[in-house]
């Protein structure tokens, strides 16, 4: 049996603020993400985690992308296209490796964790 090494992880916040429509934030499509991970057979190389809270609540709908070489914080994800781009990024990392560029639609949502108090 071949064991694959996880090359990246995607941690999506669905906590106290993220995804809370009653607080005016967009819903986080958890089931869509989980189903896509299965459909695209990403589970062995790209770990998907759903977190209760990643911390920078002022950025709401936060996601953390991690590879061995990089850590990318994304905030204020609000559209279906944002989450589909996360899936596209994961598929490309799965196929081409961790040096995959961040899609432009997500790049504008990037922030440095140290910027947020």
Protein backbone atom coordinates (compact mmCIF):
# COMPACT_ATOMS: atom_id res chain seq x y z
CA UNK A 1 0.00 0.00 0.00
CA UNK A 2 1.42 3.36 -1.05
CA UNK A 3 1.31 6.07 1.60
CA UNK A 4 1.20 9.64 0.29
CA UNK A 5 2.86 12.50 2.10
CA UNK A 6 0.67 15.47 2.92
CA UNK A 7 2.16 18.41 1.01
CA UNK A 8 -0.21 21.15 2.13
CA UNK A 9 -3.12 21.93 4.39
CA UNK A 10 -6.16 24.16 4.13
CA UNK A 11 -7.70 25.22 7.44
CA UNK A 12 -11.05 26.97 7.11
CA UNK A 13 -12.53 28.85 10.03
CA UNK A 14 -16.18 28.26 10.88
CA UNK A 15 -16.17 29.63 14.41
CA UNK A 16 -17.52 32.44 16.51
CA UNK A 17 -17.57 34.97 13.65
CA UNK A 18 -16.65 33.17 10.45
CA UNK A 19 -19.64 31.91 8.56
CA UNK A 20 -22.11 33.47 10.97
CA UNK A 21 -24.80 34.96 8.79
CA UNK A 22 -26.58 36.34 11.86
CA UNK A 23 -23.49 38.56 12.35
CA UNK A 24 -23.61 39.72 8.74
CA UNK A 25 -20.90 37.37 7.43
CA UNK A 26 -21.27 35.01 4.52
CA UNK A 27 -21.81 31.32 5.13
CA UNK A 28 -18.75 29.07 4.82
CA UNK A 29 -19.63 26.22 2.40
CA UNK A 30 -18.27 23.40 4.57
CA UNK A 31 -20.13 20.57 2.83
CA UNK A 32 -19.11 21.83 -0.62
CA UNK A 33 -15.46 21.90 0.47
CA UNK A 34 -15.58 18.43 2.03
CA UNK A 35 -17.35 16.95 -0.98
CA UNK A 36 -14.87 18.59 -3.37
CA UNK A 37 -11.92 17.15 -1.42
CA UNK A 38 -13.43 13.70 -1.90
CA UNK A 39 -14.46 14.27 -5.53
CA UNK A 40 -10.97 15.48 -6.51
CA UNK A 41 -9.21 12.86 -4.35
CA UNK A 42 -7.30 15.52 -2.42
CA UNK A 43 -7.54 13.90 1.01
CA UNK A 44 -4.17 12.11 0.93
CA UNK A 45 -1.99 15.09 -0.06
CA UNK A 46 -3.91 18.20 0.93
CA UNK A 47 -5.37 18.12 4.41
CA UNK A 48 -8.67 19.96 4.86
CA UNK A 49 -9.51 21.04 8.40
CA UNK A 50 -12.48 22.98 9.69
CA UNK A 51 -11.55 25.07 12.70
CA UNK A 52 -13.73 26.58 15.40
CA UNK A 53 -11.65 29.77 15.45
CA UNK A 54 -8.38 30.77 13.80
CA UNK A 55 -8.15 34.04 15.70
CA UNK A 56 -8.24 37.17 13.55
CA UNK A 57 -12.00 37.66 13.88
CA UNK A 58 -11.89 41.16 12.39
CA UNK A 59 -10.99 39.50 9.07
CA UNK A 60 -14.02 37.11 9.27
CA UNK A 61 -14.23 34.06 7.01
CA UNK A 62 -10.54 33.31 7.48
CA UNK A 63 -8.58 30.49 5.87
CA UNK A 64 -4.99 29.41 6.44
CA UNK A 65 -3.06 27.70 3.64
CA UNK A 66 0.13 25.92 4.71
CA UNK A 67 2.90 24.16 2.87
CA UNK A 68 6.34 23.14 4.10
CA UNK A 69 7.69 26.44 2.79
CA UNK A 70 4.85 28.89 3.20
CA UNK A 71 1.92 30.04 5.30
CA UNK A 72 -0.79 32.16 3.69
CA UNK A 73 -3.57 33.85 5.66
CA UNK A 74 -6.72 34.80 3.78
CA UNK A 75 -9.60 36.85 5.16
CA UNK A 76 -13.00 38.21 4.20
CA UNK A 77 -13.80 35.33 1.87
CA UNK A 78 -17.37 35.99 0.90
CA UNK A 79 -18.16 34.51 -2.51
CA UNK A 80 -18.57 31.03 -3.92
CA UNK A 81 -15.70 31.90 -6.29
CA UNK A 82 -13.36 32.35 -3.32
CA UNK A 83 -14.01 28.86 -2.04
CA UNK A 84 -13.88 27.37 -5.53
CA UNK A 85 -10.48 29.03 -5.93
CA UNK A 86 -9.34 27.33 -2.71
CA UNK A 87 -10.35 24.03 -4.29
CA UNK A 88 -8.54 24.95 -7.52
CA UNK A 89 -5.39 25.86 -5.53
CA UNK A 90 -5.51 22.54 -3.68
CA UNK A 91 -5.94 20.61 -6.95
CA UNK A 92 -2.98 22.41 -8.49
CA UNK A 93 -0.79 21.80 -5.43
CA UNK A 94 -1.82 18.16 -5.57
CA UNK A 95 -0.79 17.96 -9.25
CA UNK A 96 2.21 20.31 -9.45
CA UNK A 97 3.55 20.73 -5.93
CA UNK A 98 3.66 23.34 -3.24
CA UNK A 99 5.20 26.11 -5.35
CA UNK A 100 1.77 26.69 -6.91
CA UNK A 101 0.84 30.35 -7.15
CA UNK A 102 -2.13 31.69 -5.24
CA UNK A 103 -5.04 32.51 -7.60
CA UNK A 104 -5.49 36.25 -8.13
CA UNK A 105 -9.03 36.24 -6.72
CA UNK A 106 -7.53 35.04 -3.41
CA UNK A 107 -4.34 37.11 -3.50
CA UNK A 108 -6.27 40.30 -2.77
CA UNK A 109 -7.59 38.67 0.43
CA UNK A 110 -4.13 37.84 1.76
CA UNK A 111 -3.01 39.40 5.03
CA UNK A 112 -0.12 39.00 7.44
CA UNK A 113 -1.18 37.58 10.78
CA UNK A 114 1.11 40.03 12.61
CA UNK A 115 -0.91 42.93 11.11
CA UNK A 116 -4.01 41.88 13.03
CA UNK A 117 -4.21 42.51 16.77
